[in-house]
Amino acid sequence: MTLQKLMERRAFRSKIHSPDVRPAEKWLGYLLGPAGALLLNAVLATYLNVYYTDVLKLTSLWGGAFLVVFPILSKIVDAFTNVIMGYVIDRTRTAQGKARPWLLLSAPLLAITGILLFTVPQSSQTVQAVWVMVSYNLFYSFAYTIFNMSHNLMVPLSTRSTTQRGGLSVFNQIATIMMSGILVALVFPMVVMPVIGADRVKWITLMSILSILALPLTLLEYYFTRERVTEEVQSSGEEQISFAAQLKAIVSDRYMLLIYGYFLVTTVSTSIKNISLVYFCNYVLGAYNDGVTQTLISVIGGIPMGIGIFAVWPLAKKFGKRNVTVVGCLLIALGSAVCWMFPTDMTMMLIGQFIKNMGGLPGSYVFMALFADVLDHLEWKTGFRSDGLAMSLYNIIAVAMVGICTGIFNGMIAQAGYVAPELVNGVTVAAEQSQAVKSAFTFGFVGLETITGLIEAGLLLFLGVEKSIGKKQAEIKARREAK
């Protein structure tokens, strides 16, 4: 049975039938539904490297080269699969859309591969290295690629209404903030990490639970979303566009290149910051898994993210998504600079983190709505949609930079002489780190964003897509009605 025929069955039909976005779609499809996969990914982004360095003790493997080289090589595979997935999505034609069917497939894959990441056999380091490489690529290059591609397309394909898109983008980001900003940043350092320490069995148990949780919640996202833009395009009988034509359209458009450049810089700084967070709190600002330091940083620094749920979209509507994001980038640079100057002073760190997270509000909540405007602009300019390929390039930046940044970070701390903690009589005992190692942690967590915040603001000043997007959307509608 073909995918198209399968998607026509009643069991796989969307529960959303309204032509406009309703509360059930926001709350179940964009807030609760993505929460499972986003929680799993948020935990992995912060703690998977800790599992490799502190539990499996792979820092010194191959003279320190393994944890440097393998993440980078893995992202080459990931980039390749992202291009394939974008190609496949753009050529998927079903009654349930072109991205949502793949969201459905990703649900069981996330659960299975998430568990495999941590069930590394207690064998030789060579066997462990092979398992790590295979499981890492099964999760990131296969399962999470399928989920992330389809998930990120839900906002751009949901509706052409910029107001409704903005609301969905905010709800979508609330799910991300809840997972990374509340559970991972608050609950984990205060409650979870002091309990599991470097205990392998506890790690496997915890991560298996989180992986399994992603399955039913991802199904919820599938059933409570709808691709109205795809339905509109399919009903107009638009012809299939070649891969080469789509790629040329994307790489020759200045707005698309600008938003990719902004996202690239943001991803680099955020990735290294997230990896550095645990190490910085454990060895520079506080004590190893003290249950207090990281929680304080997350609570005080994360308060703006809660406030932003109510404030950011009204500001974006009044002053423009681009403009409020530019101001936000400047605040990120200012807050990071304060933290960089006083890395061991808790008071100054909390002030700096508060300022930095105030600046992060616009980029966190409205970026996908801005990206959707660029996709509509591209359709207006070329006469065809390039959603799948555009999102595959977006995801290549996201996944490639995470791998590259992980490799760079591991290379930095290995070169500086990082010493992993030991498990002594069931108790995790941390080692004293050198000043060089502490400096690496500090730059990764607060120093880099001082620089990248200014670069991001400069790039966005040239992104003027919002000025004429309403007129362009009206022209697109008129073309389709004429057909």
Protein backbone atom coordinates (compact mmCIF):
# COMPACT_ATOMS: atom_id res chain seq x y z
CA MET A 1 0.00 0.00 0.00
CA THR A 2 1.35 3.44 -0.96
CA LEU A 3 1.83 6.24 1.56
CA GLN A 4 -0.85 8.26 -0.21
CA LYS A 5 -3.44 5.49 0.16
CA LEU A 6 -2.45 4.87 3.77
CA MET A 7 -2.94 8.54 4.69
CA GLU A 8 -6.49 8.45 3.29
CA ARG A 9 -7.59 5.97 5.95
CA ARG A 10 -9.78 7.35 8.72
CA ALA A 11 -7.34 6.22 11.42
CA PHE A 12 -4.69 8.62 10.12
CA ARG A 13 -6.84 11.69 9.48
CA SER A 14 -6.14 14.95 11.30
CA LYS A 15 -8.46 15.91 14.14
CA ILE A 16 -8.24 19.55 12.98
CA HIS A 17 -10.90 20.54 10.43
CA SER A 18 -11.32 24.30 10.91
CA PRO A 19 -10.02 26.64 8.16
CA ASP A 20 -8.65 28.87 10.94
CA VAL A 21 -6.35 28.01 13.85
CA ARG A 22 -8.35 27.08 16.96
CA PRO A 23 -7.30 26.57 20.62
CA ALA A 24 -7.12 22.75 20.37
CA GLU A 25 -4.56 23.05 17.59
CA LYS A 26 -2.44 25.49 19.58
CA TRP A 27 -2.52 23.64 22.89
CA LEU A 28 -2.34 20.03 21.70
CA GLY A 29 -0.57 20.28 18.34
CA TYR A 30 1.97 23.00 19.05
CA LEU A 31 2.43 23.05 22.83
CA LEU A 32 1.88 19.60 24.32
CA GLY A 33 2.50 17.41 21.26
CA PRO A 34 6.13 18.40 20.55
CA ALA A 35 7.02 18.40 24.26
CA GLY A 36 8.19 14.77 24.40
CA ALA A 37 10.68 14.92 21.53
CA LEU A 38 11.83 18.41 22.53
CA LEU A 39 12.43 17.30 26.11
CA LEU A 40 14.47 14.34 24.91
CA ASN A 41 16.50 16.53 22.58
CA ALA A 42 17.01 19.21 25.26
CA VAL A 43 18.36 16.64 27.70
CA LEU A 44 20.66 15.22 25.04
CA ALA A 45 21.91 18.68 24.03
CA THR A 46 22.96 19.41 27.61
CA TYR A 47 23.86 16.02 29.06
CA LEU A 48 24.76 13.51 26.31
CA ASN A 49 28.30 14.83 26.19
CA VAL A 50 28.45 14.59 29.99
CA TYR A 51 27.47 10.92 29.67
CA TYR A 52 30.28 10.36 27.18
CA THR A 53 32.94 12.20 29.22
CA ASP A 54 31.94 11.39 32.82
CA VAL A 55 30.16 8.01 32.65
CA LEU A 56 31.77 6.27 29.66
CA LYS A 57 35.04 8.21 30.17
CA LEU A 58 35.80 8.56 26.47
CA THR A 59 37.64 11.89 26.74
CA SER A 60 41.08 10.30 26.33
CA LEU A 61 40.07 7.71 23.70
CA TRP A 62 42.34 7.82 20.65
CA GLY A 63 44.50 10.39 22.40
CA GLY A 64 41.49 12.64 22.90
CA ALA A 65 40.60 12.57 19.20
CA PHE A 66 37.47 10.39 19.35
CA LEU A 67 35.11 12.90 20.97
CA VAL A 68 36.51 15.58 18.67
CA VAL A 69 36.31 13.76 15.34
CA PHE A 70 33.26 11.51 15.64
CA PRO A 71 30.65 14.28 16.25
CA ILE A 72 31.96 16.23 13.25
CA LEU A 73 32.00 13.21 10.91
CA SER A 74 28.55 12.20 12.13
CA LYS A 75 27.16 15.56 11.10
CA ILE A 76 28.36 15.02 7.55
CA VAL A 77 26.06 12.01 7.46
CA ASP A 78 23.35 14.06 9.13
CA ALA A 79 23.67 16.82 6.54
CA PHE A 80 23.28 14.27 3.75
CA THR A 81 20.14 12.75 5.29
CA ASN A 82 18.65 16.21 5.80
CA VAL A 83 18.96 16.96 2.09
CA ILE A 84 17.34 13.62 1.26
CA MET A 85 14.52 14.28 3.74
CA GLY A 86 13.89 17.73 2.31
CA TYR A 87 13.75 16.26 -1.19
CA VAL A 88 11.32 13.56 -0.05
CA ILE A 89 9.03 15.99 1.80
CA ASP A 90 8.75 18.32 -1.19
CA ARG A 91 7.66 15.36 -3.30
CA THR A 92 5.24 13.81 -0.82
CA ARG A 93 1.59 14.15 -1.88
CA THR A 94 -1.00 12.84 0.58
CA ALA A 95 -4.37 13.86 1.97
CA GLN A 96 -2.61 14.64 5.28
CA GLY A 97 0.01 16.92 3.75
CA LYS A 98 3.63 16.48 2.82
CA ALA A 99 5.37 16.85 6.21
CA ARG A 100 2.88 15.42 8.73
CA PRO A 101 3.09 11.79 7.48
CA TRP A 102 6.79 11.81 8.36
CA LEU A 103 5.97 13.23 11.78
CA LEU A 104 3.89 10.10 12.34
CA LEU A 105 6.78 7.83 11.31
CA SER A 106 9.23 9.61 13.61
CA ALA A 107 7.26 8.80 16.78
CA PRO A 108 8.41 5.16 17.27
CA LEU A 109 11.85 5.85 15.80
CA LEU A 110 12.61 8.50 18.45
CA ALA A 111 11.73 6.11 21.27
CA ILE A 112 13.87 3.23 19.98
CA THR A 113 16.97 5.19 18.99
CA GLY A 114 16.83 7.36 22.14
CA ILE A 115 17.19 4.24 24.28
CA LEU A 116 20.04 2.90 22.11
CA LEU A 117 22.08 6.06 22.77
CA PHE A 118 22.57 5.08 26.41
CA THR A 119 22.54 1.27 26.41
CA VAL A 120 26.23 1.16 25.50
CA PRO A 121 27.62 -2.30 26.37
CA GLN A 122 30.19 -2.61 29.15
CA SER A 123 32.94 -3.87 26.92
CA SER A 124 36.21 -2.62 25.47
CA GLN A 125 36.49 1.04 24.53
CA THR A 126 36.60 0.04 20.85
CA VAL A 127 33.22 -1.72 21.13
CA GLN A 128 31.83 1.24 23.05
CA ALA A 129 33.13 3.67 20.41
CA VAL A 130 31.43 1.70 17.61
CA TRP A 131 28.14 1.57 19.56
CA VAL A 132 28.33 5.30 20.29
CA MET A 133 28.91 6.15 16.61
CA VAL A 134 26.11 3.90 15.33
CA SER A 135 23.51 4.86 17.95
CA TYR A 136 24.35 8.56 17.63
CA ASN A 137 23.76 8.51 13.88
CA LEU A 138 20.62 6.39 14.16
CA PHE A 139 19.14 9.00 16.46
CA TYR A 140 20.38 12.26 14.95
CA SER A 141 20.87 11.40 11.28
CA PHE A 142 17.73 9.28 10.99
CA ALA A 143 15.02 9.50 13.69
CA TYR A 144 15.47 13.10 14.85
CA THR A 145 16.06 14.34 11.31
CA ILE A 146 12.66 12.99 10.26
CA PHE A 147 10.96 14.51 13.31
CA ASN A 148 12.73 17.85 13.22
CA MET A 149 12.17 18.44 9.52
CA SER A 150 8.45 17.75 9.69
CA HIS A 151 7.99 19.46 13.07
CA ASN A 152 9.68 22.69 11.98
CA LEU A 153 7.52 22.88 8.86
CA MET A 154 4.28 22.83 10.83
CA VAL A 155 4.24 26.61 11.49
CA PRO A 156 5.08 27.69 7.90
CA LEU A 157 2.58 25.20 6.43
CA SER A 158 -0.20 25.72 8.98
CA THR A 159 -1.70 28.92 7.57
CA ARG A 160 -0.86 32.02 5.54
CA SER A 161 -2.19 34.35 8.22
CA THR A 162 0.83 36.13 9.72
CA THR A 163 -1.11 36.73 12.94
CA GLN A 164 -2.06 33.07 13.35
CA ARG A 165 1.45 32.01 12.40
CA GLY A 166 2.86 34.29 15.05
CA GLY A 167 0.60 32.74 17.67
CA LEU A 168 1.58 29.22 16.65
CA SER A 169 5.27 30.17 16.65
CA VAL A 170 4.91 31.42 20.23
CA PHE A 171 3.10 28.24 21.34
CA ASN A 172 5.72 26.15 19.53
CA GLN A 173 8.51 27.91 21.37
CA ILE A 174 6.74 27.71 24.71
CA ALA A 175 7.09 23.93 24.38
CA THR A 176 10.82 24.33 23.73
CA ILE A 177 11.27 26.78 26.60
CA MET A 178 9.28 24.59 28.99
CA MET A 179 11.49 21.61 28.24
CA SER A 180 14.90 23.27 28.11
CA GLY A 181 14.23 26.25 30.38
CA ILE A 182 12.23 24.57 33.15
CA LEU A 183 12.76 20.82 33.26
CA VAL A 184 16.29 20.51 31.89
CA ALA A 185 17.67 23.76 33.31
CA LEU A 186 15.89 23.69 36.68
CA VAL A 187 14.75 20.20 37.66
CA PHE A 188 17.72 18.28 36.30
CA PRO A 189 20.55 20.14 38.07
CA MET A 190 18.62 20.47 41.33
CA VAL A 191 16.97 17.04 41.57
CA VAL A 192 18.10 14.61 38.90
CA MET A 193 21.86 15.07 38.45
CA PRO A 194 22.78 14.87 42.16
CA VAL A 195 20.95 11.50 42.25
CA ILE A 196 22.28 9.84 39.10
CA GLY A 197 25.82 11.29 39.19
CA ALA A 198 28.02 8.99 37.10
CA ASP A 199 25.89 5.87 37.72
CA ARG A 200 25.39 4.15 34.34
CA VAL A 201 22.28 2.15 35.31
CA LYS A 202 20.46 5.24 36.55
CA TRP A 203 21.30 7.09 33.34
CA ILE A 204 19.89 4.26 31.20
CA THR A 205 16.69 4.07 33.27
CA LEU A 206 16.06 7.81 33.11
CA MET A 207 16.74 8.17 29.40
CA SER A 208 14.64 5.13 28.51
CA ILE A 209 11.66 6.74 30.27
CA LEU A 210 12.17 10.02 28.41
CA SER A 211 12.56 8.22 25.06
CA ILE A 212 9.35 6.24 25.52
CA LEU A 213 7.46 9.40 26.56
CA ALA A 214 8.24 10.97 23.18
CA LEU A 215 6.14 8.34 21.35
CA PRO A 216 2.56 9.22 22.45
CA LEU A 217 3.23 12.96 22.54
CA THR A 218 4.59 13.02 18.97
CA LEU A 219 1.45 11.19 17.86
CA LEU A 220 -0.53 13.97 19.54
CA GLU A 221 1.32 16.54 17.46
CA TYR A 222 0.50 14.57 14.31
CA TYR A 223 -3.23 14.34 14.99
CA PHE A 224 -3.72 17.95 16.11
CA THR A 225 -1.96 19.81 13.29
CA ARG A 226 -3.01 20.61 9.73
CA GLU A 227 -1.15 21.76 6.60
CA ARG A 228 -3.52 24.37 5.17
CA VAL A 229 -0.87 25.88 2.89
CA THR A 230 -0.05 22.45 1.43
CA GLU A 231 -3.74 21.78 0.82
CA GLU A 232 -4.01 25.10 -1.00
CA VAL A 233 -0.99 24.36 -3.18
CA GLN A 234 -2.09 20.81 -4.00
CA SER A 235 -5.61 21.94 -4.91
CA SER A 236 -4.17 24.45 -7.40
CA GLY A 237 -2.46 21.63 -9.29
CA GLU A 238 1.03 23.12 -9.04
CA GLU A 239 3.55 21.18 -11.11
CA GLN A 240 6.50 19.44 -9.48
CA ILE A 241 9.63 21.59 -9.47
CA SER A 242 13.09 20.12 -9.95
CA PHE A 243 15.56 19.93 -7.08
CA ALA A 244 18.04 22.10 -9.01
CA ALA A 245 15.47 24.85 -9.56
CA GLN A 246 14.52 24.88 -5.89
CA LEU A 247 18.15 24.97 -4.75
CA LYS A 248 18.97 27.80 -7.14
CA ALA A 249 15.98 29.79 -5.90
CA ILE A 250 17.04 29.39 -2.27
CA VAL A 251 20.75 30.13 -2.57
CA SER A 252 20.19 33.14 -4.84
CA ASP A 253 17.73 34.92 -2.54
CA ARG A 254 19.29 37.49 -0.22
CA TYR A 255 16.61 37.21 2.46
CA MET A 256 17.04 33.46 2.66
CA LEU A 257 20.82 33.79 2.87
CA LEU A 258 20.53 36.43 5.59
CA ILE A 259 18.20 34.35 7.74
CA TYR A 260 20.45 31.30 7.28
CA GLY A 261 23.47 33.41 8.29
CA TYR A 262 21.70 34.65 11.40
CA PHE A 263 20.64 31.12 12.31
CA LEU A 264 24.17 29.79 11.74
CA VAL A 265 25.74 32.29 14.14
CA THR A 266 22.97 31.73 16.69
CA THR A 267 23.33 27.96 16.52
CA VAL A 268 27.10 28.07 17.03
CA SER A 269 26.86 30.28 20.10
CA THR A 270 23.87 28.44 21.59
CA SER A 271 25.39 25.00 21.04
CA ILE A 272 28.67 25.80 22.74
CA LYS A 273 26.83 27.62 25.54
CA ASN A 274 24.56 24.62 26.19
CA ILE A 275 27.46 22.16 26.22
CA SER A 276 29.49 24.43 28.52
CA LEU A 277 26.67 25.12 31.00
CA VAL A 278 27.04 22.03 33.20
CA TYR A 279 30.84 22.17 33.24
CA PHE A 280 30.87 25.92 33.99
CA CYS A 281 28.49 25.54 36.94
CA ASN A 282 30.34 22.48 38.24
CA TYR A 283 33.89 23.83 38.07
CA VAL A 284 33.89 27.65 37.74
CA LEU A 285 30.88 29.16 39.49
CA GLY A 286 29.93 26.37 41.90
CA ALA A 287 30.77 22.85 43.06
CA TYR A 288 30.21 19.56 41.22
CA ASN A 289 26.47 18.74 41.05
CA ASP A 290 25.79 20.94 44.09
CA GLY A 291 22.13 21.18 43.10
CA VAL A 292 22.13 24.96 43.60
CA THR A 293 24.42 26.79 41.18
CA GLN A 294 22.91 25.68 37.89
CA THR A 295 19.41 26.03 39.31
CA LEU A 296 20.03 29.64 40.35
CA ILE A 297 21.50 30.48 36.95
CA SER A 298 18.52 28.90 35.23
CA VAL A 299 15.82 30.36 37.51
CA ILE A 300 17.02 33.97 37.48
CA GLY A 301 18.21 33.88 33.92
CA GLY A 302 15.08 32.05 32.76
CA ILE A 303 12.46 34.32 34.34
CA PRO A 304 12.33 36.52 31.21
CA MET A 305 11.34 33.49 29.13
CA GLY A 306 8.19 33.13 31.21
CA ILE A 307 7.39 36.84 30.97
CA GLY A 308 8.04 36.75 27.24
CA ILE A 309 5.11 34.43 26.58
CA PHE A 310 2.81 37.43 27.10
CA ALA A 311 5.01 40.30 25.94
CA VAL A 312 7.00 39.28 22.89
CA TRP A 313 4.27 38.89 20.27
CA PRO A 314 2.51 42.23 21.03
CA LEU A 315 5.91 43.94 20.77
CA ALA A 316 6.68 42.11 17.52
CA LYS A 317 3.34 43.16 16.02
CA LYS A 318 3.88 46.79 17.00
CA PHE A 319 7.57 47.24 16.14
CA GLY A 320 8.20 44.35 13.73
CA LYS A 321 9.67 40.88 14.28
CA ARG A 322 13.03 41.89 12.83
CA ASN A 323 13.36 45.07 14.88
CA VAL A 324 12.63 43.54 18.28
CA THR A 325 15.02 40.69 17.48
CA VAL A 326 17.83 43.17 16.67
CA VAL A 327 17.37 44.87 20.04
CA GLY A 328 17.33 41.44 21.66
CA CYS A 329 20.68 40.51 20.10
CA LEU A 330 22.27 43.66 21.52
CA LEU A 331 20.95 42.76 24.98
CA ILE A 332 22.42 39.26 24.60
CA ALA A 333 25.83 40.78 23.90
CA LEU A 334 25.52 43.16 26.89
CA GLY A 335 24.39 40.49 29.35
CA SER A 336 27.08 38.05 28.20
CA ALA A 337 29.76 40.72 28.58
CA VAL A 338 28.71 41.30 32.20
CA CYS A 339 28.95 37.56 32.90
CA TRP A 340 32.32 37.27 31.14
CA MET A 341 33.82 40.00 33.32
CA PHE A 342 32.61 38.41 36.58
CA PRO A 343 32.47 34.61 35.99
CA THR A 344 32.88 33.67 39.68
CA ASP A 345 30.58 36.35 41.15
CA MET A 346 27.08 34.85 41.55
CA THR A 347 25.34 38.24 41.85
CA MET A 348 26.86 39.66 38.68
CA MET A 349 26.29 36.37 36.86
CA LEU A 350 22.60 36.45 37.72
CA ILE A 351 22.28 40.08 36.56
CA GLY A 352 24.05 39.27 33.31
CA GLN A 353 21.96 36.15 32.72
CA PHE A 354 18.74 38.10 33.29
CA ILE A 355 19.77 40.74 30.72
CA LYS A 356 20.91 38.08 28.25
CA ASN A 357 17.69 36.10 28.47
CA MET A 358 15.60 39.25 28.06
CA GLY A 359 17.46 39.69 24.80
CA GLY A 360 16.83 36.11 23.79
CA LEU A 361 13.04 36.47 23.89
CA PRO A 362 12.36 37.67 20.32
CA GLY A 363 14.65 35.15 18.67
CA SER A 364 13.18 32.34 20.74
CA TYR A 365 9.50 33.08 20.16
CA VAL A 366 9.11 34.71 16.74
CA PHE A 367 11.96 33.34 14.62
CA MET A 368 9.89 30.62 12.94
CA ALA A 369 7.21 33.18 12.00
CA LEU A 370 9.95 35.31 10.42
CA PHE A 371 11.28 32.26 8.58
CA ALA A 372 7.74 31.56 7.31
CA ASP A 373 7.60 35.10 5.89
CA VAL A 374 10.82 34.41 3.99
CA LEU A 375 9.33 31.18 2.57
CA ASP A 376 6.28 33.12 1.35
CA HIS A 377 8.55 35.78 -0.14
CA LEU A 378 10.42 33.05 -2.00
CA GLU A 379 7.14 31.62 -3.33
CA TRP A 380 6.11 35.11 -4.51
CA LYS A 381 9.44 35.56 -6.24
CA THR A 382 9.67 32.14 -7.94
CA GLY A 383 6.07 30.99 -8.26
CA PHE A 384 6.63 27.73 -6.39
CA ARG A 385 7.12 26.43 -2.82
CA SER A 386 10.50 25.12 -1.63
CA ASP A 387 9.58 24.30 1.98
CA GLY A 388 11.22 20.89 2.30
CA LEU A 389 14.56 21.86 0.77
CA ALA A 390 14.64 25.19 2.62
CA MET A 391 13.99 23.40 5.90
CA SER A 392 16.61 20.74 5.11
CA LEU A 393 19.25 23.46 4.72
CA TYR A 394 18.01 25.03 7.97
CA ASN A 395 18.35 21.68 9.73
CA ILE A 396 21.77 21.03 8.21
CA ILE A 397 22.95 24.22 9.90
CA ALA A 398 21.35 23.14 13.18
CA VAL A 399 22.70 19.60 13.28
CA ALA A 400 26.05 20.21 11.62
CA MET A 401 26.93 23.05 13.96
CA VAL A 402 25.94 21.04 17.03
CA GLY A 403 28.34 18.28 15.98
CA ILE A 404 31.11 20.66 15.00
CA CYS A 405 30.70 22.67 18.19
CA THR A 406 30.71 19.51 20.30
CA GLY A 407 33.95 18.44 18.64
CA ILE A 408 35.51 21.87 19.13
CA PHE A 409 34.46 21.99 22.79
CA ASN A 410 35.78 18.49 23.51
CA GLY A 411 39.03 19.35 21.75
CA MET A 412 39.38 22.50 23.86
CA ILE A 413 38.90 20.75 27.19
CA ALA A 414 41.04 17.74 26.22
CA GLN A 415 43.87 20.06 25.17
CA ALA A 416 43.47 22.05 28.38
CA GLY A 417 43.68 18.86 30.46
CA TYR A 418 40.12 18.11 31.61
CA VAL A 419 39.96 15.34 34.25
CA ALA A 420 36.72 13.32 34.47
CA PRO A 421 35.17 12.51 37.89
CA GLU A 422 35.45 9.06 39.44
CA LEU A 423 32.80 6.79 40.95
CA VAL A 424 34.22 5.73 44.36
CA ASN A 425 32.12 3.31 46.43
CA GLY A 426 28.99 4.47 44.62
CA VAL A 427 29.79 8.16 45.19
CA THR A 428 30.84 10.50 42.37
CA VAL A 429 34.06 12.36 43.23
CA ALA A 430 34.99 15.33 41.02
CA ALA A 431 38.57 16.29 40.17
CA GLU A 432 40.09 19.76 40.54
CA GLN A 433 40.40 21.40 37.11
CA SER A 434 43.24 23.64 35.93
CA GLN A 435 42.78 27.34 35.21
CA ALA A 436 43.07 26.63 31.49
CA VAL A 437 40.13 24.23 31.66
CA LYS A 438 38.07 26.73 33.66
CA SER A 439 38.84 29.47 31.12
CA ALA A 440 37.60 27.20 28.32
CA PHE A 441 34.34 26.60 30.20
CA THR A 442 33.90 30.34 30.82
CA PHE A 443 34.46 31.37 27.21
CA GLY A 444 32.09 28.68 25.99
CA PHE A 445 29.29 29.64 28.36
CA VAL A 446 29.43 33.47 28.37
CA GLY A 447 32.33 34.79 26.29
CA LEU A 448 31.30 33.63 22.84
CA GLU A 449 27.79 35.14 22.95
CA THR A 450 29.27 38.56 23.68
CA ILE A 451 30.72 38.47 20.17
CA THR A 452 27.98 36.60 18.31
CA GLY A 453 25.19 38.83 19.68
CA LEU A 454 26.70 41.81 17.82
CA ILE A 455 27.13 39.78 14.63
CA GLU A 456 23.50 38.62 14.74
CA ALA A 457 22.21 42.18 15.14
CA GLY A 458 24.26 43.31 12.16
CA LEU A 459 22.90 40.57 9.90
CA LEU A 460 19.27 41.21 10.82
CA LEU A 461 19.49 44.91 9.93
CA PHE A 462 19.46 43.85 6.26
CA LEU A 463 16.46 41.49 6.59
CA GLY A 464 13.56 43.68 5.38
CA VAL A 465 11.14 40.94 4.33
CA GLU A 466 8.31 42.10 6.63
CA LYS A 467 7.82 45.45 4.88
CA SER A 468 6.04 43.99 1.87
CA ILE A 469 5.00 40.48 2.93
CA GLY A 470 1.28 41.35 3.14
CA LYS A 471 1.24 42.61 -0.43
CA LYS A 472 3.18 39.58 -1.65
CA GLN A 473 0.81 37.14 0.06
CA ALA A 474 -2.12 38.89 -1.62
CA GLU A 475 -0.43 38.49 -5.01
CA ILE A 476 0.17 34.79 -4.35
CA LYS A 477 -3.50 34.34 -3.52
CA ALA A 478 -4.55 36.18 -6.68
CA ARG A 479 -2.33 33.95 -8.82
CA ARG A 480 -3.85 30.80 -7.39
CA GLU A 481 -7.39 32.10 -7.84
CA ALA A 482 -6.54 32.92 -11.44
CA LYS A 483 -5.45 29.31 -11.98
